[in-house]
Amino acid sequence: DEPKEVTLSAHEWECLQQDTEASSRRLQTLSAQLNRMSGDLLQAFEMRTVLSSSRLGVERARERESRMAAVVAKFEEELLVARQRRCQPSPSVNVASAAVDRNAVTPS
């Protein structure tokens, strides 16, 4: 049982129009703020996603570097052992007799 007609004075009608316009402006202001906040949130999300991806990339690179350092250390150790073996005389070879034998053979 709501009234079907309402009678307003010119002053009341003017106040109603002003309130409607003020509400419309407020709605536009709030919509603009919401759009800015939405853009900021989206940008922050994208930046966090990129940062997270970058951190994962750095972590993988560090792991790869660690593995490569271990491989290099292993090869350096093997190289050192090989050099030491090459520089040590074999126990079955007599160095003094080898020098004498070389001197005994003269090219013709």
C-alpha atoms as a PDB file:
ATOM      1  CA  ASP A   1       0.000   0.000   0.000  1.00  0.00           C
ATOM      2  CA  GLU A   2       2.485   2.542  -1.169  1.00  0.00           C
ATOM      3  CA  PRO A   3       1.275   5.876  -2.419  1.00  0.00           C
ATOM      4  CA  LYS A   4       1.077   6.068  -6.208  1.00  0.00           C
ATOM      5  CA  GLU A   5       1.537   9.800  -6.373  1.00  0.00           C
ATOM      6  CA  VAL A   6       3.626  12.211  -4.360  1.00  0.00           C
ATOM      7  CA  THR A   7       3.259  15.922  -4.498  1.00  0.00           C
ATOM      8  CA  LEU A   8       6.423  17.954  -4.041  1.00  0.00           C
ATOM      9  CA  SER A   9       6.889  21.638  -3.856  1.00  0.00           C
ATOM     10  CA  ALA A  10       9.295  23.301  -6.272  1.00  0.00           C
ATOM     11  CA  HIS A  11      11.852  23.659  -3.467  1.00  0.00           C
ATOM     12  CA  GLU A  12      11.544  19.947  -2.510  1.00  0.00           C
ATOM     13  CA  TRP A  13      11.856  18.947  -6.167  1.00  0.00           C
ATOM     14  CA  GLU A  14      15.006  21.097  -6.501  1.00  0.00           C
ATOM     15  CA  CYS A  15      16.492  19.481  -3.355  1.00  0.00           C
ATOM     16  CA  LEU A  16      15.686  16.005  -4.705  1.00  0.00           C
ATOM     17  CA  GLN A  17      17.398  16.861  -8.011  1.00  0.00           C
ATOM     18  CA  GLN A  18      20.480  18.203  -6.205  1.00  0.00           C
ATOM     19  CA  ASP A  19      20.689  15.074  -4.041  1.00  0.00           C
ATOM     20  CA  THR A  20      20.400  12.888  -7.141  1.00  0.00           C
ATOM     21  CA  GLU A  21      23.170  14.834  -8.899  1.00  0.00           C
ATOM     22  CA  ALA A  22      25.373  14.732  -5.790  1.00  0.00           C
ATOM     23  CA  SER A  23      24.827  10.985  -5.521  1.00  0.00           C
ATOM     24  CA  SER A  24      25.700  10.578  -9.192  1.00  0.00           C
ATOM     25  CA  ARG A  25      28.924  12.598  -8.775  1.00  0.00           C
ATOM     26  CA  ARG A  26      29.827  10.598  -5.666  1.00  0.00           C
ATOM     27  CA  LEU A  27      29.226   7.364  -7.582  1.00  0.00           C
ATOM     28  CA  GLN A  28      31.503   8.559 -10.402  1.00  0.00           C
ATOM     29  CA  THR A  29      34.214   9.526  -7.896  1.00  0.00           C
ATOM     30  CA  LEU A  30      34.005   6.161  -6.144  1.00  0.00           C
ATOM     31  CA  SER A  31      34.047   4.329  -9.482  1.00  0.00           C
ATOM     32  CA  ALA A  32      37.178   6.229 -10.533  1.00  0.00           C
ATOM     33  CA  GLN A  33      38.865   5.410  -7.207  1.00  0.00           C
ATOM     34  CA  LEU A  34      37.881   1.764  -7.548  1.00  0.00           C
ATOM     35  CA  ASN A  35      39.279   1.653 -11.094  1.00  0.00           C
ATOM     36  CA  ARG A  36      42.581   3.201  -9.937  1.00  0.00           C
ATOM     37  CA  MET A  37      42.805   0.757  -7.035  1.00  0.00           C
ATOM     38  CA  SER A  38      42.032  -2.129  -9.369  1.00  0.00           C
ATOM     39  CA  GLY A  39      44.807  -1.017 -11.724  1.00  0.00           C
ATOM     40  CA  ASP A  40      47.242  -0.660  -8.824  1.00  0.00           C
ATOM     41  CA  LEU A  41      46.353  -4.119  -7.518  1.00  0.00           C
ATOM     42  CA  LEU A  42      46.765  -5.641 -10.962  1.00  0.00           C
ATOM     43  CA  GLN A  43      50.143  -3.961 -11.385  1.00  0.00           C
ATOM     44  CA  ALA A  44      51.252  -5.137  -7.921  1.00  0.00           C
ATOM     45  CA  PHE A  45      50.132  -8.675  -8.738  1.00  0.00           C
ATOM     46  CA  GLU A  46      52.006  -8.630 -12.037  1.00  0.00           C
ATOM     47  CA  MET A  47      55.127  -7.273 -10.343  1.00  0.00           C
ATOM     48  CA  ARG A  48      54.959  -9.975  -7.671  1.00  0.00           C
ATOM     49  CA  THR A  49      54.523 -12.612 -10.357  1.00  0.00           C
ATOM     50  CA  VAL A  50      57.583 -11.334 -12.237  1.00  0.00           C
ATOM     51  CA  LEU A  51      59.554 -11.098  -8.994  1.00  0.00           C
ATOM     52  CA  SER A  52      58.610 -14.644  -8.046  1.00  0.00           C
ATOM     53  CA  SER A  53      59.604 -15.891 -11.485  1.00  0.00           C
ATOM     54  CA  SER A  54      62.900 -14.015 -11.258  1.00  0.00           C
ATOM     55  CA  ARG A  55      63.623 -15.493  -7.830  1.00  0.00           C
ATOM     56  CA  LEU A  56      63.006 -18.994  -9.183  1.00  0.00           C
ATOM     57  CA  GLY A  57      65.344 -18.268 -12.079  1.00  0.00           C
ATOM     58  CA  VAL A  58      68.050 -17.036  -9.706  1.00  0.00           C
ATOM     59  CA  GLU A  59      67.605 -20.113  -7.514  1.00  0.00           C
ATOM     60  CA  ARG A  60      67.939 -22.438 -10.521  1.00  0.00           C
ATOM     61  CA  ALA A  61      71.019 -20.520 -11.704  1.00  0.00           C
ATOM     62  CA  ARG A  62      72.626 -20.839  -8.264  1.00  0.00           C
ATOM     63  CA  GLU A  63      71.916 -24.569  -8.212  1.00  0.00           C
ATOM     64  CA  ARG A  64      73.421 -24.912 -11.698  1.00  0.00           C
ATOM     65  CA  GLU A  65      76.452 -22.883 -10.601  1.00  0.00           C
ATOM     66  CA  SER A  66      76.896 -25.129  -7.572  1.00  0.00           C
ATOM     67  CA  ARG A  67      76.719 -28.273  -9.718  1.00  0.00           C
ATOM     68  CA  MET A  68      79.188 -26.809 -12.210  1.00  0.00           C
ATOM     69  CA  ALA A  69      81.565 -25.825  -9.382  1.00  0.00           C
ATOM     70  CA  ALA A  70      81.459 -29.409  -8.110  1.00  0.00           C
ATOM     71  CA  VAL A  71      82.223 -30.727 -11.612  1.00  0.00           C
ATOM     72  CA  VAL A  72      85.111 -28.277 -12.007  1.00  0.00           C
ATOM     73  CA  ALA A  73      86.500 -29.243  -8.587  1.00  0.00           C
ATOM     74  CA  LYS A  74      86.336 -32.921  -9.535  1.00  0.00           C
ATOM     75  CA  PHE A  75      88.145 -32.320 -12.834  1.00  0.00           C
ATOM     76  CA  GLU A  76      90.779 -30.158 -11.121  1.00  0.00           C
ATOM     77  CA  GLU A  77      91.403 -32.948  -8.632  1.00  0.00           C
ATOM     78  CA  GLU A  78      91.655 -35.531 -11.429  1.00  0.00           C
ATOM     79  CA  LEU A  79      94.024 -33.252 -13.351  1.00  0.00           C
ATOM     80  CA  LEU A  80      96.228 -32.788 -10.297  1.00  0.00           C
ATOM     81  CA  VAL A  81      96.374 -36.550  -9.732  1.00  0.00           C
ATOM     82  CA  ALA A  82      97.211 -37.135 -13.417  1.00  0.00           C
ATOM     83  CA  ARG A  83     100.013 -34.536 -13.299  1.00  0.00           C
ATOM     84  CA  GLN A  84     101.430 -36.060 -10.134  1.00  0.00           C
ATOM     85  CA  ARG A  85     101.431 -39.524 -11.722  1.00  0.00           C
ATOM     86  CA  ARG A  86     103.110 -38.205 -14.844  1.00  0.00           C
ATOM     87  CA  CYS A  87     105.836 -36.419 -12.874  1.00  0.00           C
ATOM     88  CA  GLN A  88     106.695 -39.414 -10.635  1.00  0.00           C
ATOM     89  CA  PRO A  89     109.170 -41.933 -12.081  1.00  0.00           C
ATOM     90  CA  SER A  90     107.941 -45.443 -12.484  1.00  0.00           C
ATOM     91  CA  PRO A  91     109.476 -47.827  -9.903  1.00  0.00           C
ATOM     92  CA  SER A  92     110.527 -50.295 -12.658  1.00  0.00           C
ATOM     93  CA  VAL A  93     112.577 -47.730 -14.599  1.00  0.00           C
ATOM     94  CA  ASN A  94     116.101 -46.938 -13.529  1.00  0.00           C
ATOM     95  CA  VAL A  95     116.620 -43.285 -14.347  1.00  0.00           C
ATOM     96  CA  ALA A  96     120.429 -43.449 -14.154  1.00  0.00           C
ATOM     97  CA  SER A  97     120.696 -46.402 -16.539  1.00  0.00           C
ATOM     98  CA  ALA A  98     118.275 -44.792 -18.946  1.00  0.00           C
ATOM     99  CA  ALA A  99     120.530 -41.729 -19.089  1.00  0.00           C
ATOM    100  CA  VAL A 100     123.599 -43.896 -19.701  1.00  0.00           C
ATOM    101  CA  ASP A 101     121.874 -45.870 -22.456  1.00  0.00           C
ATOM    102  CA  ARG A 102     120.866 -42.642 -24.201  1.00  0.00           C
ATOM    103  CA  ASN A 103     124.470 -41.434 -24.141  1.00  0.00           C
ATOM    104  CA  ALA A 104     125.737 -44.771 -25.501  1.00  0.00           C
ATOM    105  CA  VAL A 105     123.644 -44.507 -28.632  1.00  0.00           C
ATOM    106  CA  THR A 106     125.026 -41.904 -30.955  1.00  0.00           C
ATOM    107  CA  PRO A 107     123.474 -40.897 -34.200  1.00  0.00           C
ATOM    108  CA  SER A 108     125.550 -41.771 -37.265  1.00  0.00           C
END
